[in-house]
């Protein structure tokens, strides 16, 4: 019962052909299909898409969380409706989706809960996978949103989807500058960074096997003329390994590994120094890291 994982996201890009080349050749995603001006891409483990691209600027158009079964959709549909949130149930809307429940958060983000048509019992790095090229991430991992009201959005996720808050960044006591939330057992499925502007996305994260794959990814980026923005490193918040880079439209992508499991029953941890929270190894985030898309 409940949220299993981040299923996918749809990114807005400035130049669709250029972005497709980047995500196919550099990132190493596989094209699954096209529909209504959207191109659907997967990591190669199954026929579900992990990221889609649509032309029209930058940022996140919508993102989806995967649930276990049909009963989960009915449960959250009832809960959202009782809380006054308008929902829309659809079937076969996108590749690999059996059913989806669509709604909007108070921050304006379009969110879906989806039931996958067919997903392997577990993801294997070799068996059943399409041949790899480029960086070749294993799966979609998590998403970090930009929002004006961090505490409000975290509260919405808690009240509607029964998420827990693992960590928060409080520059001043009681003021949340960032929050890391999870519906699964992993430390964060949706993180939130406060912003005064109207950007929607801080970064979209893919899972890789470990630090050696991050090193290889940095080499791949360099071979194609793209620069690493930050990393490889290890966050203090959450403890996962990270490497960040920007796509041609300025959308930030993270490669993540070693995400720990977190006890949802424990009280959240508060941080008041962002550089300390950012890196357990003493690396300061670059100035560009404050900008979203």
C-alpha atoms as a PDB file:
ATOM      1  CA  UNK A   1       0.000   0.000   0.000  1.00  0.00           C
ATOM      2  CA  UNK A   2       1.225   3.493  -0.813  1.00  0.00           C
ATOM      3  CA  UNK A   3       3.895   5.058  -3.004  1.00  0.00           C
ATOM      4  CA  UNK A   4       6.520   2.715  -4.414  1.00  0.00           C
ATOM      5  CA  UNK A   5       8.914   5.134  -6.161  1.00  0.00           C
ATOM      6  CA  UNK A   6       9.316   8.028  -8.570  1.00  0.00           C
ATOM      7  CA  UNK A   7       7.908   6.705 -11.844  1.00  0.00           C
ATOM      8  CA  UNK A   8       8.794   9.411 -14.360  1.00  0.00           C
ATOM      9  CA  UNK A   9       8.861  13.108 -15.182  1.00  0.00           C
ATOM     10  CA  UNK A  10       8.208  15.242 -18.254  1.00  0.00           C
ATOM     11  CA  UNK A  11      10.821  17.947 -18.792  1.00  0.00           C
ATOM     12  CA  UNK A  12      10.291  21.076 -20.845  1.00  0.00           C
ATOM     13  CA  UNK A  13      13.175  21.858 -23.221  1.00  0.00           C
ATOM     14  CA  UNK A  14      14.050  24.702 -25.567  1.00  0.00           C
ATOM     15  CA  UNK A  15      15.105  22.661 -28.584  1.00  0.00           C
ATOM     16  CA  UNK A  16      13.600  19.163 -28.819  1.00  0.00           C
ATOM     17  CA  UNK A  17      15.989  17.698 -31.463  1.00  0.00           C
ATOM     18  CA  UNK A  18      19.060  18.974 -29.583  1.00  0.00           C
ATOM     19  CA  UNK A  19      17.734  17.673 -26.263  1.00  0.00           C
ATOM     20  CA  UNK A  20      16.852  14.304 -27.751  1.00  0.00           C
ATOM     21  CA  UNK A  21      20.409  13.898 -28.995  1.00  0.00           C
ATOM     22  CA  UNK A  22      21.721  14.794 -25.531  1.00  0.00           C
ATOM     23  CA  UNK A  23      19.488  12.360 -23.662  1.00  0.00           C
ATOM     24  CA  UNK A  24      19.963   9.544 -26.181  1.00  0.00           C
ATOM     25  CA  UNK A  25      23.696   9.796 -26.850  1.00  0.00           C
ATOM     26  CA  UNK A  26      25.137  11.413 -23.707  1.00  0.00           C
ATOM     27  CA  UNK A  27      22.767  10.234 -20.978  1.00  0.00           C
ATOM     28  CA  UNK A  28      22.067   6.980 -22.836  1.00  0.00           C
ATOM     29  CA  UNK A  29      18.268   6.768 -22.649  1.00  0.00           C
ATOM     30  CA  UNK A  30      16.231   4.718 -25.128  1.00  0.00           C
ATOM     31  CA  UNK A  31      13.265   6.107 -27.057  1.00  0.00           C
ATOM     32  CA  UNK A  32      10.024   4.321 -26.196  1.00  0.00           C
ATOM     33  CA  UNK A  33       7.522   6.356 -28.187  1.00  0.00           C
ATOM     34  CA  UNK A  34       6.130   9.716 -29.292  1.00  0.00           C
ATOM     35  CA  UNK A  35       2.717  11.206 -28.599  1.00  0.00           C
ATOM     36  CA  UNK A  36       1.237  14.720 -28.826  1.00  0.00           C
ATOM     37  CA  UNK A  37       4.624  16.408 -29.173  1.00  0.00           C
ATOM     38  CA  UNK A  38       6.144  14.449 -26.270  1.00  0.00           C
ATOM     39  CA  UNK A  39       9.032  11.988 -26.692  1.00  0.00           C
ATOM     40  CA  UNK A  40       9.189   9.221 -24.092  1.00  0.00           C
ATOM     41  CA  UNK A  41      12.549   7.796 -23.010  1.00  0.00           C
ATOM     42  CA  UNK A  42      13.530   4.928 -20.724  1.00  0.00           C
ATOM     43  CA  UNK A  43      16.662   3.648 -19.027  1.00  0.00           C
ATOM     44  CA  UNK A  44      16.249   0.281 -20.746  1.00  0.00           C
ATOM     45  CA  UNK A  45      15.100  -1.976 -17.917  1.00  0.00           C
ATOM     46  CA  UNK A  46      11.471  -2.222 -19.040  1.00  0.00           C
ATOM     47  CA  UNK A  47       8.890  -0.654 -21.339  1.00  0.00           C
ATOM     48  CA  UNK A  48       7.939   2.100 -18.895  1.00  0.00           C
ATOM     49  CA  UNK A  49       9.341   5.560 -19.493  1.00  0.00           C
ATOM     50  CA  UNK A  50      11.631   7.276 -17.001  1.00  0.00           C
ATOM     51  CA  UNK A  51      11.830  10.721 -18.591  1.00  0.00           C
ATOM     52  CA  UNK A  52       9.936  12.485 -21.371  1.00  0.00           C
ATOM     53  CA  UNK A  53      10.721  15.687 -23.252  1.00  0.00           C
ATOM     54  CA  UNK A  54       8.391  18.341 -24.605  1.00  0.00           C
ATOM     55  CA  UNK A  55       9.325  21.628 -26.255  1.00  0.00           C
ATOM     56  CA  UNK A  56       8.494  24.838 -24.435  1.00  0.00           C
ATOM     57  CA  UNK A  57      11.195  26.331 -22.208  1.00  0.00           C
ATOM     58  CA  UNK A  58      12.558  24.490 -19.188  1.00  0.00           C
ATOM     59  CA  UNK A  59      11.422  23.009 -15.891  1.00  0.00           C
ATOM     60  CA  UNK A  60       9.072  20.175 -15.035  1.00  0.00           C
ATOM     61  CA  UNK A  61       5.754  19.788 -16.864  1.00  0.00           C
ATOM     62  CA  UNK A  62       4.514  16.995 -14.632  1.00  0.00           C
ATOM     63  CA  UNK A  63       5.908  14.069 -12.685  1.00  0.00           C
ATOM     64  CA  UNK A  64       4.479  10.771 -11.483  1.00  0.00           C
ATOM     65  CA  UNK A  65       4.824   8.473  -8.507  1.00  0.00           C
ATOM     66  CA  UNK A  66       4.256   4.762  -8.958  1.00  0.00           C
ATOM     67  CA  UNK A  67       1.841   2.941  -6.641  1.00  0.00           C
ATOM     68  CA  UNK A  68       1.584  -0.781  -6.022  1.00  0.00           C
ATOM     69  CA  UNK A  69      -1.979  -1.605  -7.026  1.00  0.00           C
ATOM     70  CA  UNK A  70      -5.382  -0.327  -8.141  1.00  0.00           C
ATOM     71  CA  UNK A  71      -6.539  -0.073  -4.516  1.00  0.00           C
ATOM     72  CA  UNK A  72      -3.855   2.559  -3.892  1.00  0.00           C
ATOM     73  CA  UNK A  73      -5.313   4.799  -6.607  1.00  0.00           C
ATOM     74  CA  UNK A  74      -8.785   4.465  -5.103  1.00  0.00           C
ATOM     75  CA  UNK A  75      -7.460   5.130  -1.594  1.00  0.00           C
ATOM     76  CA  UNK A  76      -5.593   8.307  -2.525  1.00  0.00           C
ATOM     77  CA  UNK A  77      -8.395   9.494  -4.813  1.00  0.00           C
ATOM     78  CA  UNK A  78     -10.781   9.361  -1.842  1.00  0.00           C
ATOM     79  CA  UNK A  79      -8.269  11.050   0.462  1.00  0.00           C
ATOM     80  CA  UNK A  80      -7.487  13.868  -1.968  1.00  0.00           C
ATOM     81  CA  UNK A  81     -11.188  14.474  -2.649  1.00  0.00           C
ATOM     82  CA  UNK A  82     -11.976  14.639   1.060  1.00  0.00           C
ATOM     83  CA  UNK A  83      -9.237  17.269   1.442  1.00  0.00           C
ATOM     84  CA  UNK A  84     -10.764  19.339  -1.351  1.00  0.00           C
ATOM     85  CA  UNK A  85      -8.188  18.526  -4.016  1.00  0.00           C
ATOM     86  CA  UNK A  86      -9.612  18.095  -7.515  1.00  0.00           C
ATOM     87  CA  UNK A  87      -8.530  14.838  -9.175  1.00  0.00           C
ATOM     88  CA  UNK A  88      -8.807  13.263 -12.599  1.00  0.00           C
ATOM     89  CA  UNK A  89      -8.623   9.505 -13.231  1.00  0.00           C
ATOM     90  CA  UNK A  90      -7.393   8.408 -16.675  1.00  0.00           C
ATOM     91  CA  UNK A  91      -6.427   5.119 -18.326  1.00  0.00           C
ATOM     92  CA  UNK A  92      -3.732   4.413 -20.922  1.00  0.00           C
ATOM     93  CA  UNK A  93      -2.763   8.091 -21.016  1.00  0.00           C
ATOM     94  CA  UNK A  94       0.976   7.537 -21.532  1.00  0.00           C
ATOM     95  CA  UNK A  95       3.270   4.643 -22.510  1.00  0.00           C
ATOM     96  CA  UNK A  96       3.392   1.921 -19.869  1.00  0.00           C
ATOM     97  CA  UNK A  97       0.551   3.354 -17.772  1.00  0.00           C
ATOM     98  CA  UNK A  98      -2.441   1.188 -16.954  1.00  0.00           C
ATOM     99  CA  UNK A  99      -4.118   3.969 -14.974  1.00  0.00           C
ATOM    100  CA  UNK A 100      -3.247   7.361 -13.494  1.00  0.00           C
ATOM    101  CA  UNK A 101      -4.660   9.749 -10.919  1.00  0.00           C
ATOM    102  CA  UNK A 102      -3.870  13.372 -11.777  1.00  0.00           C
ATOM    103  CA  UNK A 103      -3.971  16.366  -9.419  1.00  0.00           C
ATOM    104  CA  UNK A 104      -2.222  19.666  -8.722  1.00  0.00           C
ATOM    105  CA  UNK A 105      -0.295  20.665  -5.611  1.00  0.00           C
ATOM    106  CA  UNK A 106      -0.698  24.116  -3.983  1.00  0.00           C
ATOM    107  CA  UNK A 107       2.712  24.976  -5.472  1.00  0.00           C
ATOM    108  CA  UNK A 108       1.273  24.498  -8.958  1.00  0.00           C
ATOM    109  CA  UNK A 109       3.111  21.249  -9.712  1.00  0.00           C
ATOM    110  CA  UNK A 110       1.173  18.715 -11.762  1.00  0.00           C
ATOM    111  CA  UNK A 111       1.436  15.328 -10.046  1.00  0.00           C
ATOM    112  CA  UNK A 112       0.242  11.872 -11.015  1.00  0.00           C
ATOM    113  CA  UNK A 113      -0.053   8.585  -9.198  1.00  0.00           C
ATOM    114  CA  UNK A 114       0.366   5.810 -11.750  1.00  0.00           C
ATOM    115  CA  UNK A 115      -0.156   2.084 -11.989  1.00  0.00           C
ATOM    116  CA  UNK A 116       2.406   0.551 -14.339  1.00  0.00           C
ATOM    117  CA  UNK A 117       1.187  -1.772 -17.051  1.00  0.00           C
ATOM    118  CA  UNK A 118       4.127  -4.113 -16.689  1.00  0.00           C
ATOM    119  CA  UNK A 119       7.156  -3.722 -14.460  1.00  0.00           C
ATOM    120  CA  UNK A 120       9.789  -6.343 -13.606  1.00  0.00           C
ATOM    121  CA  UNK A 121       9.769  -7.807 -10.129  1.00  0.00           C
ATOM    122  CA  UNK A 122      13.129  -6.087  -9.696  1.00  0.00           C
ATOM    123  CA  UNK A 123      15.528  -4.166 -11.926  1.00  0.00           C
ATOM    124  CA  UNK A 124      18.612  -6.060 -13.036  1.00  0.00           C
ATOM    125  CA  UNK A 125      21.724  -4.329 -14.460  1.00  0.00           C
ATOM    126  CA  UNK A 126      22.105  -7.018 -17.159  1.00  0.00           C
ATOM    127  CA  UNK A 127      19.185  -9.436 -17.484  1.00  0.00           C
ATOM    128  CA  UNK A 128      16.330  -7.979 -19.530  1.00  0.00           C
ATOM    129  CA  UNK A 129      18.062  -4.657 -20.162  1.00  0.00           C
ATOM    130  CA  UNK A 130      18.635  -2.984 -23.495  1.00  0.00           C
ATOM    131  CA  UNK A 131      22.329  -2.508 -24.415  1.00  0.00           C
ATOM    132  CA  UNK A 132      23.883   0.510 -22.730  1.00  0.00           C
ATOM    133  CA  UNK A 133      25.466   3.603 -24.221  1.00  0.00           C
ATOM    134  CA  UNK A 134      26.465   6.975 -22.810  1.00  0.00           C
ATOM    135  CA  UNK A 135      26.104   7.372 -19.053  1.00  0.00           C
ATOM    136  CA  UNK A 136      23.426   4.624 -18.945  1.00  0.00           C
ATOM    137  CA  UNK A 137      21.606   5.243 -15.639  1.00  0.00           C
ATOM    138  CA  UNK A 138      19.708   2.339 -14.098  1.00  0.00           C
ATOM    139  CA  UNK A 139      16.401   4.022 -13.261  1.00  0.00           C
ATOM    140  CA  UNK A 140      14.676   7.264 -12.305  1.00  0.00           C
ATOM    141  CA  UNK A 141      15.565   7.908  -8.655  1.00  0.00           C
ATOM    142  CA  UNK A 142      14.029  11.078  -7.176  1.00  0.00           C
ATOM    143  CA  UNK A 143      12.966  14.621  -7.994  1.00  0.00           C
ATOM    144  CA  UNK A 144      13.771  17.921  -6.284  1.00  0.00           C
ATOM    145  CA  UNK A 145      11.206  20.654  -6.848  1.00  0.00           C
ATOM    146  CA  UNK A 146      11.459  24.423  -6.556  1.00  0.00           C
ATOM    147  CA  UNK A 147       8.629  26.024  -4.588  1.00  0.00           C
ATOM    148  CA  UNK A 148       7.849  29.329  -2.891  1.00  0.00           C
ATOM    149  CA  UNK A 149       6.448  27.627   0.233  1.00  0.00           C
ATOM    150  CA  UNK A 150       8.587  24.644   1.242  1.00  0.00           C
ATOM    151  CA  UNK A 151       6.742  23.883   4.457  1.00  0.00           C
ATOM    152  CA  UNK A 152       3.376  24.186   2.711  1.00  0.00           C
ATOM    153  CA  UNK A 153       4.294  21.747  -0.063  1.00  0.00           C
ATOM    154  CA  UNK A 154       5.863  19.290   2.392  1.00  0.00           C
ATOM    155  CA  UNK A 155       2.686  19.470   4.483  1.00  0.00           C
ATOM    156  CA  UNK A 156       0.571  18.813   1.395  1.00  0.00           C
ATOM    157  CA  UNK A 157       2.603  15.693   0.568  1.00  0.00           C
ATOM    158  CA  UNK A 158       2.281  14.545   4.174  1.00  0.00           C
ATOM    159  CA  UNK A 159      -1.474  15.114   4.385  1.00  0.00           C
ATOM    160  CA  UNK A 160      -2.428  13.734   0.976  1.00  0.00           C
ATOM    161  CA  UNK A 161       0.127  11.073   0.071  1.00  0.00           C
ATOM    162  CA  UNK A 162       1.214  10.164   3.626  1.00  0.00           C
ATOM    163  CA  UNK A 163       4.824  11.217   3.028  1.00  0.00           C
ATOM    164  CA  UNK A 164       7.262  11.722   5.887  1.00  0.00           C
ATOM    165  CA  UNK A 165       9.845  14.502   6.204  1.00  0.00           C
ATOM    166  CA  UNK A 166      13.335  13.112   6.799  1.00  0.00           C
ATOM    167  CA  UNK A 167      15.399  16.338   6.936  1.00  0.00           C
ATOM    168  CA  UNK A 168      14.872  20.082   6.645  1.00  0.00           C
ATOM    169  CA  UNK A 169      17.156  23.046   6.129  1.00  0.00           C
ATOM    170  CA  UNK A 170      16.217  25.894   8.505  1.00  0.00           C
ATOM    171  CA  UNK A 171      18.307  29.041   7.920  1.00  0.00           C
ATOM    172  CA  UNK A 172      16.226  30.584  10.725  1.00  0.00           C
ATOM    173  CA  UNK A 173      14.341  28.543  13.297  1.00  0.00           C
ATOM    174  CA  UNK A 174      10.883  27.688  11.966  1.00  0.00           C
ATOM    175  CA  UNK A 175      11.665  28.781   8.394  1.00  0.00           C
ATOM    176  CA  UNK A 176      12.127  25.896   5.968  1.00  0.00           C
ATOM    177  CA  UNK A 177      14.516  26.649   3.136  1.00  0.00           C
ATOM    178  CA  UNK A 178      14.488  23.042   1.929  1.00  0.00           C
ATOM    179  CA  UNK A 179      12.926  19.699   2.856  1.00  0.00           C
ATOM    180  CA  UNK A 180      13.544  16.078   1.942  1.00  0.00           C
ATOM    181  CA  UNK A 181      10.405  13.919   1.935  1.00  0.00           C
ATOM    182  CA  UNK A 182       9.633  10.286   1.201  1.00  0.00           C
ATOM    183  CA  UNK A 183       6.701   7.993   0.646  1.00  0.00           C
ATOM    184  CA  UNK A 184       8.919   4.949   0.137  1.00  0.00           C
ATOM    185  CA  UNK A 185      11.498   3.596   2.577  1.00  0.00           C
ATOM    186  CA  UNK A 186      14.308   5.562   0.919  1.00  0.00           C
ATOM    187  CA  UNK A 187      15.484   8.878   2.349  1.00  0.00           C
ATOM    188  CA  UNK A 188      13.845  11.097  -0.262  1.00  0.00           C
ATOM    189  CA  UNK A 189      11.540  10.618  -3.221  1.00  0.00           C
ATOM    190  CA  UNK A 190      10.588  14.306  -3.441  1.00  0.00           C
ATOM    191  CA  UNK A 191      12.854  17.023  -2.091  1.00  0.00           C
ATOM    192  CA  UNK A 192      11.855  20.699  -2.101  1.00  0.00           C
ATOM    193  CA  UNK A 193      14.058  23.781  -2.382  1.00  0.00           C
ATOM    194  CA  UNK A 194      12.677  27.218  -1.584  1.00  0.00           C
ATOM    195  CA  UNK A 195      12.847  29.843  -4.302  1.00  0.00           C
ATOM    196  CA  UNK A 196      11.430  33.373  -4.667  1.00  0.00           C
ATOM    197  CA  UNK A 197      10.944  32.983  -8.432  1.00  0.00           C
ATOM    198  CA  UNK A 198       8.590  30.861 -10.528  1.00  0.00           C
ATOM    199  CA  UNK A 199      10.994  28.049 -11.426  1.00  0.00           C
ATOM    200  CA  UNK A 200       9.523  24.570 -10.923  1.00  0.00           C
ATOM    201  CA  UNK A 201      12.502  22.218 -10.830  1.00  0.00           C
ATOM    202  CA  UNK A 202      15.799  22.133  -9.000  1.00  0.00           C
ATOM    203  CA  UNK A 203      16.929  18.762 -10.342  1.00  0.00           C
ATOM    204  CA  UNK A 204      15.822  15.397 -11.681  1.00  0.00           C
ATOM    205  CA  UNK A 205      17.827  12.421 -10.434  1.00  0.00           C
ATOM    206  CA  UNK A 206      18.771   9.105 -11.999  1.00  0.00           C
ATOM    207  CA  UNK A 207      20.136   6.082 -10.184  1.00  0.00           C
ATOM    208  CA  UNK A 208      23.630   4.805 -11.026  1.00  0.00           C
ATOM    209  CA  UNK A 209      25.520   1.896  -9.499  1.00  0.00           C
ATOM    210  CA  UNK A 210      28.159   3.841  -7.554  1.00  0.00           C
ATOM    211  CA  UNK A 211      31.126   6.176  -7.527  1.00  0.00           C
ATOM    212  CA  UNK A 212      32.906   4.392 -10.401  1.00  0.00           C
ATOM    213  CA  UNK A 213      29.889   4.931 -12.650  1.00  0.00           C
ATOM    214  CA  UNK A 214      29.876   8.612 -11.664  1.00  0.00           C
ATOM    215  CA  UNK A 215      33.539   8.899 -12.616  1.00  0.00           C
ATOM    216  CA  UNK A 216      32.795   7.277 -15.975  1.00  0.00           C
ATOM    217  CA  UNK A 217      29.797   9.607 -16.449  1.00  0.00           C
ATOM    218  CA  UNK A 218      32.047  12.636 -15.908  1.00  0.00           C
ATOM    219  CA  UNK A 219      34.342  11.313 -18.639  1.00  0.00           C
ATOM    220  CA  UNK A 220      31.381  10.826 -20.984  1.00  0.00           C
ATOM    221  CA  UNK A 221      30.167  14.373 -20.333  1.00  0.00           C
ATOM    222  CA  UNK A 222      33.661  15.703 -21.021  1.00  0.00           C
ATOM    223  CA  UNK A 223      33.917  13.733 -24.254  1.00  0.00           C
ATOM    224  CA  UNK A 224      30.761  15.445 -25.525  1.00  0.00           C
ATOM    225  CA  UNK A 225      31.837  18.894 -24.328  1.00  0.00           C
ATOM    226  CA  UNK A 226      29.530  19.175 -21.299  1.00  0.00           C
ATOM    227  CA  UNK A 227      30.768  20.286 -17.885  1.00  0.00           C
ATOM    228  CA  UNK A 228      30.070  18.808 -14.472  1.00  0.00           C
ATOM    229  CA  UNK A 229      28.413  21.397 -12.225  1.00  0.00           C
ATOM    230  CA  UNK A 230      29.140  19.699  -8.890  1.00  0.00           C
ATOM    231  CA  UNK A 231      30.567  16.409  -7.675  1.00  0.00           C
ATOM    232  CA  UNK A 232      31.213  13.610  -7.451  1.00  0.00           C
ATOM    233  CA  UNK A 233      30.560  13.948  -3.754  1.00  0.00           C
ATOM    234  CA  UNK A 234      28.478  12.736  -0.844  1.00  0.00           C
ATOM    235  CA  UNK A 235      25.631  14.724   0.691  1.00  0.00           C
ATOM    236  CA  UNK A 236      25.409  15.129   4.440  1.00  0.00           C
ATOM    237  CA  UNK A 237      21.616  15.254   4.117  1.00  0.00           C
ATOM    238  CA  UNK A 238      20.571  11.756   3.124  1.00  0.00           C
ATOM    239  CA  UNK A 239      24.116  10.486   2.680  1.00  0.00           C
ATOM    240  CA  UNK A 240      23.748   9.624  -1.014  1.00  0.00           C
ATOM    241  CA  UNK A 241      26.494  10.109  -3.580  1.00  0.00           C
ATOM    242  CA  UNK A 242      25.891  12.869  -6.139  1.00  0.00           C
ATOM    243  CA  UNK A 243      27.064  14.313  -9.440  1.00  0.00           C
ATOM    244  CA  UNK A 244      25.241  17.218 -11.108  1.00  0.00           C
ATOM    245  CA  UNK A 245      25.227  18.589 -14.649  1.00  0.00           C
ATOM    246  CA  UNK A 246      22.903  20.689 -16.823  1.00  0.00           C
ATOM    247  CA  UNK A 247      21.133  19.658 -20.002  1.00  0.00           C
ATOM    248  CA  UNK A 248      21.126  21.990 -23.051  1.00  0.00           C
ATOM    249  CA  UNK A 249      18.009  23.795 -21.726  1.00  0.00           C
ATOM    250  CA  UNK A 250      19.456  24.392 -18.255  1.00  0.00           C
ATOM    251  CA  UNK A 251      17.551  21.591 -16.509  1.00  0.00           C
ATOM    252  CA  UNK A 252      19.747  20.148 -13.766  1.00  0.00           C
ATOM    253  CA  UNK A 253      20.287  16.387 -13.736  1.00  0.00           C
ATOM    254  CA  UNK A 254      21.702  14.475 -10.780  1.00  0.00           C
ATOM    255  CA  UNK A 255      23.293  11.053 -10.780  1.00  0.00           C
ATOM    256  CA  UNK A 256      22.571   9.476  -7.401  1.00  0.00           C
ATOM    257  CA  UNK A 257      23.857   6.341  -5.688  1.00  0.00           C
ATOM    258  CA  UNK A 258      23.812   4.743  -2.241  1.00  0.00           C
ATOM    259  CA  UNK A 259      20.550   6.377  -1.161  1.00  0.00           C
ATOM    260  CA  UNK A 260      19.942   5.047   2.368  1.00  0.00           C
ATOM    261  CA  UNK A 261      16.672   3.838   3.775  1.00  0.00           C
ATOM    262  CA  UNK A 262      15.091   6.107   6.383  1.00  0.00           C
ATOM    263  CA  UNK A 263      12.814   5.297   9.314  1.00  0.00           C
ATOM    264  CA  UNK A 264       9.520   7.108   8.631  1.00  0.00           C
ATOM    265  CA  UNK A 265       8.603   7.019  12.323  1.00  0.00           C
ATOM    266  CA  UNK A 266      11.595   9.100  13.471  1.00  0.00           C
ATOM    267  CA  UNK A 267      11.531  12.865  13.993  1.00  0.00           C
ATOM    268  CA  UNK A 268      13.049  14.960  11.216  1.00  0.00           C
ATOM    269  CA  UNK A 269      16.610  16.258  11.377  1.00  0.00           C
ATOM    270  CA  UNK A 270      17.134  20.019  11.044  1.00  0.00           C
ATOM    271  CA  UNK A 271      20.188  21.653   9.432  1.00  0.00           C
ATOM    272  CA  UNK A 272      21.011  25.370   9.613  1.00  0.00           C
ATOM    273  CA  UNK A 273      24.120  25.555   7.420  1.00  0.00           C
ATOM    274  CA  UNK A 274      23.537  24.687   3.761  1.00  0.00           C
ATOM    275  CA  UNK A 275      27.177  24.014   2.717  1.00  0.00           C
ATOM    276  CA  UNK A 276      27.469  21.556   5.612  1.00  0.00           C
ATOM    277  CA  UNK A 277      24.196  19.897   4.630  1.00  0.00           C
ATOM    278  CA  UNK A 278      25.249  19.790   0.972  1.00  0.00           C
ATOM    279  CA  UNK A 279      28.525  17.938   1.360  1.00  0.00           C
ATOM    280  CA  UNK A 280      29.896  15.532   3.942  1.00  0.00           C
ATOM    281  CA  UNK A 281      33.310  15.954   2.321  1.00  0.00           C
ATOM    282  CA  UNK A 282      33.535  19.726   2.700  1.00  0.00           C
ATOM    283  CA  UNK A 283      32.736  20.736  -0.879  1.00  0.00           C
ATOM    284  CA  UNK A 284      30.754  23.970  -1.220  1.00  0.00           C
ATOM    285  CA  UNK A 285      27.907  24.047  -3.755  1.00  0.00           C
ATOM    286  CA  UNK A 286      28.686  26.352  -6.688  1.00  0.00           C
ATOM    287  CA  UNK A 287      26.850  29.672  -7.016  1.00  0.00           C
ATOM    288  CA  UNK A 288      24.923  28.267  -9.998  1.00  0.00           C
ATOM    289  CA  UNK A 289      23.367  25.623  -7.750  1.00  0.00           C
ATOM    290  CA  UNK A 290      20.884  28.175  -6.396  1.00  0.00           C
ATOM    291  CA  UNK A 291      19.266  28.515  -9.831  1.00  0.00           C
ATOM    292  CA  UNK A 292      16.432  26.226 -10.905  1.00  0.00           C
ATOM    293  CA  UNK A 293      14.616  25.763 -14.202  1.00  0.00           C
END
